[in-house]
Amino acid sequence: MTDSPIEGIKTVLHPVADLAAAKKVYAALLGLEPQADSPYYVGFDVAGQHIGLVPSGGPQSPAAPVAYWHVGNLDAKLAEVVAAGGTVQEQPHPVGPGRRVATFTDLDGNVLGLLEDE
């Protein structure tokens, strides 16, 4: 095992067909307005969790919700899960200032995400 700390699942992205309509439903569910609101991403921060909505069918849109494990060293953790049998689905890449993500599949094809704040 490497020395790459896990901070837990703090981010879950949900693909949605209609971003504006989904934003209303999630705002009602969570009882707050989104902290990030753009044509390609809507994000809510509530109770230490980040809930993100992404338009389905886009280049980075998942087919189902993806839980992102926050890690201290994305490259080391990705190498560790690949060595254990995981398969890289999406190579590490930046998604905003100081933030990188990657996804991989486990042995059963479940998609899992890794997120690193640099």
Protein backbone atom coordinates (compact mmCIF):
# COMPACT_ATOMS: atom_id res chain seq x y z
CA MET A 1 0.00 0.00 0.00
CA THR A 2 1.16 3.54 -0.72
CA ASP A 3 1.15 6.53 1.53
CA SER A 4 -1.72 8.21 -0.34
CA PRO A 5 -4.34 9.28 2.21
CA ILE A 6 -8.04 8.89 1.53
CA GLU A 7 -10.35 11.65 2.73
CA GLY A 8 -13.56 9.79 1.90
CA ILE A 9 -16.31 10.32 -0.65
CA LYS A 10 -17.04 14.03 -0.68
CA THR A 11 -18.18 14.57 -4.27
CA VAL A 12 -20.89 12.83 -6.29
CA LEU A 13 -21.64 13.82 -9.89
CA HIS A 14 -25.05 13.09 -11.40
CA PRO A 15 -25.69 13.14 -15.17
CA VAL A 16 -28.95 14.98 -15.99
CA ALA A 17 -30.91 15.40 -19.22
CA ASP A 18 -32.19 18.90 -18.39
CA LEU A 19 -29.76 20.90 -16.27
CA ALA A 20 -32.18 23.77 -15.51
CA ALA A 21 -34.97 21.42 -14.43
CA ALA A 22 -32.62 19.23 -12.37
CA LYS A 23 -31.20 22.32 -10.65
CA LYS A 24 -34.71 23.14 -9.35
CA VAL A 25 -35.25 19.61 -8.02
CA TYR A 26 -31.87 19.46 -6.26
CA ALA A 27 -32.30 22.98 -4.83
CA ALA A 28 -35.65 21.88 -3.37
CA LEU A 29 -34.16 18.64 -2.03
CA LEU A 30 -31.12 20.30 -0.46
CA GLY A 31 -32.86 23.49 0.65
CA LEU A 32 -30.32 25.82 -0.93
CA GLU A 33 -29.27 27.41 -4.19
CA PRO A 34 -26.21 26.07 -6.07
CA GLN A 35 -22.79 27.48 -5.29
CA ALA A 36 -21.59 26.79 -8.86
CA ASP A 37 -24.01 27.49 -11.70
CA SER A 38 -22.96 27.36 -15.35
CA PRO A 39 -24.32 25.87 -18.59
CA TYR A 40 -21.99 22.86 -18.20
CA TYR A 41 -22.04 22.30 -14.42
CA VAL A 42 -24.20 23.01 -11.37
CA GLY A 43 -22.78 22.27 -7.93
CA PHE A 44 -24.20 22.27 -4.41
CA ASP A 45 -22.20 22.17 -1.18
CA VAL A 46 -24.16 20.76 1.72
CA ALA A 47 -23.13 19.07 4.99
CA GLY A 48 -19.53 18.51 3.85
CA GLN A 49 -20.62 16.98 0.53
CA HIS A 50 -20.46 18.37 -2.98
CA ILE A 51 -23.31 17.32 -5.26
CA GLY A 52 -22.66 18.11 -8.92
CA LEU A 53 -25.00 18.01 -11.91
CA VAL A 54 -23.51 17.53 -15.39
CA PRO A 55 -25.42 17.51 -18.68
CA SER A 56 -25.76 13.95 -19.96
CA GLY A 57 -24.36 13.24 -23.40
CA GLY A 58 -21.45 15.66 -23.02
CA PRO A 59 -17.79 14.70 -23.45
CA GLN A 60 -17.22 14.25 -19.70
CA SER A 61 -20.68 13.06 -18.77
CA PRO A 62 -20.90 9.81 -16.83
CA ALA A 63 -23.61 7.27 -17.69
CA ALA A 64 -24.59 7.01 -14.02
CA PRO A 65 -23.74 8.88 -10.81
CA VAL A 66 -20.03 8.72 -9.93
CA ALA A 67 -18.74 9.00 -6.38
CA TYR A 68 -15.37 10.73 -6.11
CA TRP A 69 -12.96 9.69 -3.37
CA HIS A 70 -10.85 12.67 -2.30
CA VAL A 71 -7.19 11.69 -2.11
CA GLY A 72 -3.93 13.39 -1.18
CA ASN A 73 -2.01 12.03 -4.20
CA LEU A 74 -4.15 11.17 -7.22
CA ASP A 75 -1.34 9.66 -9.31
CA ALA A 76 -0.15 7.37 -6.51
CA LYS A 77 -3.67 6.21 -5.62
CA LEU A 78 -4.57 5.58 -9.27
CA ALA A 79 -1.39 3.53 -9.72
CA GLU A 80 -2.25 1.57 -6.59
CA VAL A 81 -5.78 0.67 -7.73
CA VAL A 82 -4.54 -0.24 -11.22
CA ALA A 83 -1.90 -2.53 -9.70
CA ALA A 84 -4.71 -4.17 -7.72
CA GLY A 85 -6.75 -4.86 -10.89
CA GLY A 86 -8.64 -1.62 -11.58
CA THR A 87 -8.74 -0.17 -15.11
CA VAL A 88 -8.25 3.51 -15.88
CA GLN A 89 -11.32 4.92 -17.58
CA GLU A 90 -10.40 8.61 -17.57
CA GLN A 91 -6.78 9.72 -17.17
CA PRO A 92 -5.98 12.38 -14.54
CA HIS A 93 -6.82 15.85 -15.81
CA PRO A 94 -7.53 19.32 -14.39
CA VAL A 95 -11.14 20.38 -13.87
CA GLY A 96 -10.52 23.74 -12.29
CA PRO A 97 -7.83 25.73 -10.54
CA GLY A 98 -5.87 23.34 -8.33
CA ARG A 99 -8.21 20.37 -8.82
CA ARG A 100 -7.63 17.16 -10.79
CA VAL A 101 -9.82 14.10 -11.29
CA ALA A 102 -9.57 10.63 -12.80
CA THR A 103 -11.94 7.67 -13.03
CA PHE A 104 -11.35 3.95 -13.06
CA THR A 105 -13.45 0.80 -13.10
CA ASP A 106 -13.28 -1.94 -10.53
CA LEU A 107 -13.29 -5.61 -11.47
CA ASP A 108 -17.09 -5.55 -11.88
CA GLY A 109 -17.17 -2.49 -14.15
CA ASN A 110 -18.29 -0.02 -11.48
CA VAL A 111 -16.97 3.47 -12.20
CA LEU A 112 -15.17 5.14 -9.29
CA GLY A 113 -13.66 8.59 -9.20
CA LEU A 114 -10.56 10.05 -7.58
CA LEU A 115 -10.27 13.77 -6.86
CA GLU A 116 -7.20 15.68 -5.71
CA ASP A 117 -7.07 19.29 -4.57
CA GLU A 118 -3.50 20.42 -5.15
